[in-house]
Amino acid sequence: MSQPARARESTGYLSTKDVDEELARLFLASALRAPVTVHDRRSGHSTYDLEIRYPDGRRGAAEVVSTRTQKQTAQLDAVRRAGYTADSRLKHSWIARVPPATRISRVHPVLPEFLAELERIGITDLNSYGNHGPGMRDRLRGLHVSSCLAYAPTGKHPPGFYIYPEATACWVGDGEEIPRFCEDFLSDLAQSDVLGKLARSGADERHAIVIATLDQFGLYTAVDMGLTPSHAPDLSTCIDGLWVIASQAPPVQGCYWTRPTGWTTTVLTANHTPPPTTHHRSALAYTQAPLSRMAT
């Protein structure tokens, strides 16, 4: 085992890249009904991420890439490190949303007193669009907070708060935006290493796996809604299969395309994952999830 892999297991912390690879590994193993293992342990050799071993002896190579921007990756890592914060000054469980460029470390220490003030004046749902009295909109802006929403506390979530990136909205079509986005995304110079690793793999099958995140909300929503494209993507000949997976906790929606069979839409449920280990639980817990799942 490489030093980075050993360090990840000993600390229990998974990087965003680790989470994406584990989500992809579970999804492919469920859909293909074949063993899928991590191939690139970040040991200093730049190779493809996952390896598929078929019963007939064929070998598949898969490279995983997400649609996150660098700023979003840093913010999500900070959100995961912060987790849920219990605070005795509060009476509710709160979810505070922040804009994409916000530094979580700046908001976290000043948020509890602000939430306690909202409770004292009877506000449990606050956003920058509502009329909550003079100066409240400016205070939100000064705190770098988009909205605050209170829930009744539970045994799992006593009074306290989460800080999450703000939700976004978009128009969603018929699923054809999925291959269009992936064509542009994978042909961009920034993703050239994906094609290079697959081309050098020497595998019988080569798969590109795109983890759709909230940073590309139109793509994410189309995949999460289970939309199935009808048109084949125009991809490099070194890609035999394209997978697009929504970054979230189970059930995980996704779709995949292969040259012989075209598009298939499928879902990974908690029942289809391997027997849980600490590593699997950590990976699935760290993926993005809809508000309703995280608030319960």
Protein backbone atom coordinates (compact mmCIF):
# COMPACT_ATOMS: atom_id res chain seq x y z
CA MET A 1 0.00 0.00 0.00
CA SER A 2 1.33 3.45 -0.89
CA GLN A 3 2.06 6.06 1.77
CA PRO A 4 -0.83 8.34 0.63
CA ALA A 5 -3.29 5.44 0.73
CA ARG A 6 -2.05 4.38 4.17
CA ALA A 7 -2.37 7.96 5.40
CA ARG A 8 -5.94 8.21 4.15
CA GLU A 9 -6.94 5.01 5.93
CA SER A 10 -5.21 5.97 9.18
CA THR A 11 -6.79 9.44 9.37
CA GLY A 12 -10.23 8.40 8.09
CA TYR A 13 -10.35 11.50 5.87
CA LEU A 14 -11.08 11.09 2.19
CA SER A 15 -10.18 13.75 -0.34
CA THR A 16 -12.70 14.84 -2.95
CA LYS A 17 -10.84 12.72 -5.51
CA ASP A 18 -11.05 9.66 -3.22
CA VAL A 19 -14.80 10.17 -2.82
CA ASP A 20 -15.35 10.48 -6.56
CA GLU A 21 -13.35 7.32 -7.27
CA GLU A 22 -15.19 5.32 -4.62
CA LEU A 23 -18.57 6.47 -5.91
CA ALA A 24 -17.55 5.53 -9.46
CA ARG A 25 -16.17 2.18 -8.31
CA LEU A 26 -19.40 1.22 -6.55
CA PHE A 27 -21.54 2.41 -9.47
CA LEU A 28 -19.57 0.50 -12.13
CA ALA A 29 -19.41 -2.66 -10.03
CA SER A 30 -23.19 -2.59 -9.57
CA ALA A 31 -23.97 -1.92 -13.25
CA LEU A 32 -21.39 -4.28 -14.77
CA ARG A 33 -21.64 -7.04 -12.15
CA ALA A 34 -17.86 -7.36 -12.27
CA PRO A 35 -15.07 -6.60 -9.76
CA VAL A 36 -13.84 -3.01 -9.95
CA THR A 37 -10.72 -2.01 -8.01
CA VAL A 38 -8.74 1.17 -7.47
CA HIS A 39 -5.74 1.08 -9.82
CA ASP A 40 -4.03 4.44 -9.25
CA ARG A 41 -3.15 4.80 -5.55
CA ARG A 42 -1.42 8.13 -6.20
CA SER A 43 1.91 6.50 -5.55
CA GLY A 44 3.76 8.82 -7.90
CA HIS A 45 2.84 7.00 -11.14
CA SER A 46 0.11 8.71 -13.15
CA THR A 47 -2.13 5.94 -14.45
CA TYR A 48 -5.87 5.37 -14.87
CA ASP A 49 -8.00 5.32 -11.72
CA LEU A 50 -10.05 2.09 -11.79
CA GLU A 51 -9.63 -1.37 -13.24
CA ILE A 52 -12.45 -3.73 -14.26
CA ARG A 53 -11.87 -7.49 -14.34
CA TYR A 54 -14.48 -9.38 -16.36
CA PRO A 55 -15.12 -13.12 -15.80
CA ASP A 56 -13.97 -13.91 -19.36
CA GLY A 57 -10.54 -12.39 -18.70
CA ARG A 58 -11.06 -9.04 -20.40
CA ARG A 59 -9.72 -5.99 -18.60
CA GLY A 60 -11.27 -2.53 -18.51
CA ALA A 61 -9.65 0.78 -17.57
CA ALA A 62 -11.59 3.75 -16.20
CA GLU A 63 -10.55 7.33 -15.52
CA VAL A 64 -12.64 9.47 -13.15
CA VAL A 65 -13.06 13.24 -13.47
CA SER A 66 -15.53 15.61 -11.83
CA THR A 67 -17.11 18.86 -13.00
CA ARG A 68 -16.08 20.71 -9.82
CA THR A 69 -14.12 23.91 -10.07
CA GLN A 70 -11.07 24.38 -7.89
CA LYS A 71 -12.91 26.87 -5.67
CA GLN A 72 -15.85 24.53 -5.24
CA THR A 73 -13.56 21.64 -4.36
CA ALA A 74 -11.88 23.71 -1.65
CA GLN A 75 -15.26 24.84 -0.30
CA LEU A 76 -16.72 21.32 -0.23
CA ASP A 77 -13.65 19.97 1.55
CA ALA A 78 -14.09 22.71 4.17
CA VAL A 79 -17.80 21.87 4.52
CA ARG A 80 -16.99 18.20 5.12
CA ARG A 81 -14.33 19.00 7.68
CA ALA A 82 -16.73 21.29 9.55
CA GLY A 83 -19.61 18.79 9.51
CA TYR A 84 -22.50 19.40 11.88
CA THR A 85 -21.74 21.73 14.79
CA ALA A 86 -23.81 21.38 17.96
CA ASP A 87 -24.12 24.63 19.90
CA SER A 88 -25.79 25.14 23.28
CA ARG A 89 -26.67 28.75 22.41
CA LEU A 90 -29.24 27.52 19.88
CA LYS A 91 -32.71 25.97 20.16
CA HIS A 92 -33.04 24.74 16.55
CA SER A 93 -31.04 22.80 14.02
CA TRP A 94 -30.04 25.22 11.26
CA ILE A 95 -28.86 24.99 7.68
CA ALA A 96 -27.02 28.08 6.49
CA ARG A 97 -26.32 28.45 2.77
CA VAL A 98 -23.33 30.41 1.51
CA PRO A 99 -22.27 31.64 -1.97
CA PRO A 100 -19.75 29.56 -3.95
CA ALA A 101 -16.68 31.71 -3.18
CA THR A 102 -17.30 31.94 0.58
CA ARG A 103 -14.59 30.73 2.93
CA ILE A 104 -16.24 28.42 5.46
CA SER A 105 -13.59 29.24 8.07
CA ARG A 106 -14.74 32.88 8.09
CA VAL A 107 -18.43 32.09 8.52
CA HIS A 108 -18.23 29.23 11.03
CA PRO A 109 -17.10 31.16 14.15
CA VAL A 110 -19.51 34.10 13.77
CA LEU A 111 -22.62 32.19 12.66
CA PRO A 112 -23.87 30.78 16.02
CA GLU A 113 -24.43 34.19 17.63
CA PHE A 114 -26.27 35.42 14.54
CA LEU A 115 -28.52 32.33 14.52
CA ALA A 116 -29.19 32.77 18.24
CA GLU A 117 -30.25 36.36 17.53
CA LEU A 118 -32.65 35.14 14.83
CA GLU A 119 -34.21 32.72 17.32
CA ARG A 120 -34.64 35.52 19.88
CA ILE A 121 -36.59 37.65 17.40
CA GLY A 122 -38.61 34.72 16.07
CA ILE A 123 -37.07 34.32 12.59
CA THR A 124 -36.64 30.71 11.41
CA ASP A 125 -36.48 31.23 7.64
CA LEU A 126 -34.23 34.01 6.40
CA ASN A 127 -33.00 34.84 2.91
CA SER A 128 -31.79 37.87 1.02
CA TYR A 129 -35.07 38.19 -0.93
CA GLY A 130 -37.46 38.52 1.99
CA ASN A 131 -38.44 41.61 3.96
CA HIS A 132 -37.06 40.96 7.44
CA GLY A 133 -36.63 44.48 8.65
CA PRO A 134 -34.09 47.23 8.02
CA GLY A 135 -30.49 46.17 7.66
CA MET A 136 -31.02 42.40 7.70
CA ARG A 137 -30.13 42.00 4.02
CA ASP A 138 -26.91 43.93 4.58
CA ARG A 139 -26.08 41.76 7.58
CA LEU A 140 -26.49 38.61 5.52
CA ARG A 141 -24.23 40.05 2.86
CA GLY A 142 -21.67 41.05 5.48
CA LEU A 143 -21.67 37.52 6.90
CA HIS A 144 -21.35 36.03 3.38
CA VAL A 145 -24.53 34.01 4.00
CA SER A 146 -27.33 33.53 1.45
CA SER A 147 -30.02 32.01 3.67
CA CYS A 148 -30.72 30.38 7.05
CA LEU A 149 -33.43 27.80 7.65
CA ALA A 150 -34.33 26.26 11.03
CA TYR A 151 -35.57 22.72 11.73
CA ALA A 152 -36.73 21.01 14.89
CA PRO A 153 -33.74 19.35 16.58
CA THR A 154 -33.48 15.55 16.70
CA GLY A 155 -31.40 13.04 18.61
CA LYS A 156 -29.00 12.84 15.69
CA HIS A 157 -28.97 16.60 15.18
CA PRO A 158 -29.31 18.47 18.50
CA PRO A 159 -29.43 22.27 18.36
CA GLY A 160 -26.64 23.41 16.08
CA PHE A 161 -25.95 24.09 12.41
CA TYR A 162 -24.65 22.96 9.04
CA ILE A 163 -23.04 25.27 6.51
CA TYR A 164 -23.73 24.28 2.89
CA PRO A 165 -23.12 25.86 -0.51
CA GLU A 166 -26.19 27.70 -1.75
CA ALA A 167 -28.64 25.89 -4.01
CA THR A 168 -28.91 26.90 -7.65
CA ALA A 169 -31.57 26.54 -10.34
CA CYS A 170 -31.64 25.93 -14.08
CA TRP A 171 -33.80 24.85 -16.99
CA VAL A 172 -33.59 21.13 -17.72
CA GLY A 173 -34.32 19.73 -21.16
CA ASP A 174 -34.79 16.19 -22.42
CA GLY A 175 -31.39 14.77 -21.49
CA GLU A 176 -29.58 15.70 -24.71
CA GLU A 177 -27.54 18.22 -22.71
CA ILE A 178 -25.71 15.26 -21.15
CA PRO A 179 -23.77 14.15 -24.26
CA ARG A 180 -23.34 17.77 -25.41
CA PHE A 181 -21.75 18.78 -22.13
CA CYS A 182 -19.49 15.71 -22.03
CA GLU A 183 -18.30 16.27 -25.59
CA ASP A 184 -17.16 19.80 -24.75
CA PHE A 185 -15.88 18.87 -21.30
CA LEU A 186 -13.73 15.92 -22.37
CA SER A 187 -12.36 17.70 -25.45
CA ASP A 188 -11.14 20.62 -23.35
CA LEU A 189 -7.38 20.85 -22.94
CA ALA A 190 -7.80 20.71 -19.15
CA GLN A 191 -9.04 17.09 -19.48
CA SER A 192 -6.34 15.91 -21.88
CA ASP A 193 -4.84 13.64 -19.21
CA VAL A 194 -8.11 11.64 -19.15
CA LEU A 195 -7.71 10.72 -22.82
CA GLY A 196 -3.97 10.17 -22.44
CA LYS A 197 -4.30 7.73 -19.54
CA LEU A 198 -6.98 5.72 -21.32
CA ALA A 199 -5.04 5.66 -24.59
CA ARG A 200 -1.93 4.32 -22.78
CA SER A 201 -3.84 1.79 -20.64
CA GLY A 202 -3.62 -1.16 -23.05
CA ALA A 203 -7.02 -2.29 -21.74
CA ASP A 204 -9.69 -4.13 -23.72
CA GLU A 205 -12.24 -1.43 -22.78
CA ARG A 206 -11.65 2.19 -21.84
CA HIS A 207 -14.21 4.19 -19.87
CA ALA A 208 -14.40 7.89 -19.06
CA ILE A 209 -16.41 8.61 -15.90
CA VAL A 210 -17.77 12.11 -15.32
CA ILE A 211 -18.98 12.88 -11.80
CA ALA A 212 -21.69 15.52 -12.22
CA THR A 213 -21.67 18.02 -9.34
CA LEU A 214 -23.80 20.99 -8.40
CA ASP A 215 -21.20 23.26 -9.97
CA GLN A 216 -22.75 22.23 -13.32
CA PHE A 217 -26.32 22.26 -12.12
CA GLY A 218 -27.99 21.67 -15.48
CA LEU A 219 -25.98 18.50 -16.08
CA TYR A 220 -26.38 17.38 -12.47
CA THR A 221 -30.16 17.83 -12.54
CA ALA A 222 -30.59 16.05 -15.88
CA VAL A 223 -28.68 13.04 -14.55
CA ASP A 224 -30.40 13.10 -11.15
CA MET A 225 -33.83 13.15 -12.86
CA GLY A 226 -32.94 9.92 -14.68
CA LEU A 227 -33.15 11.45 -18.17
CA THR A 228 -31.83 9.22 -20.96
CA PRO A 229 -30.17 10.83 -24.00
CA SER A 230 -30.91 9.46 -27.47
CA HIS A 231 -27.87 10.75 -29.36
CA ALA A 232 -24.43 9.17 -29.17
CA PRO A 233 -21.68 11.50 -27.94
CA ASP A 234 -18.92 12.49 -30.35
CA LEU A 235 -15.88 11.32 -28.40
CA SER A 236 -12.27 10.37 -28.99
CA THR A 237 -11.76 6.85 -30.30
CA CYS A 238 -9.83 6.02 -27.11
CA ILE A 239 -13.14 6.13 -25.18
CA ASP A 240 -15.29 3.01 -25.48
CA GLY A 241 -17.71 3.93 -22.71
CA LEU A 242 -18.95 7.16 -21.11
CA TRP A 243 -20.47 7.23 -17.62
CA VAL A 244 -22.16 10.26 -16.04
CA ILE A 245 -22.95 9.91 -12.33
CA ALA A 246 -24.66 12.39 -10.01
CA SER A 247 -22.54 13.17 -6.95
CA GLN A 248 -24.87 12.35 -4.06
CA ALA A 249 -25.66 9.82 -1.36
CA PRO A 250 -27.67 6.72 -2.38
CA PRO A 251 -29.84 6.32 -4.32
CA VAL A 252 -27.35 7.54 -6.93
CA GLN A 253 -28.66 8.24 -10.42
CA GLY A 254 -26.47 7.82 -13.46
CA CYS A 255 -26.38 6.89 -17.11
CA TYR A 256 -23.79 5.31 -19.34
CA TRP A 257 -23.12 4.89 -23.04
CA THR A 258 -21.13 2.27 -24.93
CA ARG A 259 -20.54 2.08 -28.66
CA PRO A 260 -22.34 -1.30 -29.08
CA THR A 261 -25.38 -0.65 -26.86
CA GLY A 262 -25.97 3.10 -26.71
CA TRP A 263 -27.37 4.81 -23.60
CA THR A 264 -28.61 3.11 -20.42
CA THR A 265 -29.98 4.82 -17.31
CA THR A 266 -29.47 3.10 -13.97
CA VAL A 267 -29.42 3.77 -10.25
CA LEU A 268 -27.18 2.67 -7.39
CA THR A 269 -29.10 2.05 -4.18
CA ALA A 270 -27.75 1.33 -0.72
CA ASN A 271 -28.86 -2.29 -1.19
CA HIS A 272 -26.66 -2.65 -4.28
CA THR A 273 -23.46 -1.50 -2.61
CA PRO A 274 -20.93 -4.00 -1.20
CA PRO A 275 -21.08 -4.92 2.50
CA PRO A 276 -20.30 -1.66 4.35
CA THR A 277 -16.81 -1.01 5.61
CA THR A 278 -15.48 2.15 7.23
CA HIS A 279 -14.05 3.19 3.86
CA HIS A 280 -17.36 2.71 2.01
CA ARG A 281 -19.40 4.47 4.66
CA SER A 282 -17.06 7.44 4.64
CA ALA A 283 -17.18 7.78 0.87
CA LEU A 284 -20.96 7.61 0.63
CA ALA A 285 -21.43 9.96 3.55
CA TYR A 286 -19.19 12.57 1.94
CA THR A 287 -21.04 12.79 -1.37
CA GLN A 288 -23.47 15.62 -1.93
CA ALA A 289 -27.08 14.96 -1.00
CA PRO A 290 -30.39 16.74 -1.45
CA LEU A 291 -31.43 18.95 1.48
CA SER A 292 -34.14 16.56 2.63
CA ARG A 293 -31.61 13.76 3.12
CA MET A 294 -29.09 15.86 5.04
CA ALA A 295 -31.62 17.50 7.33
CA THR A 296 -33.05 14.31 8.78
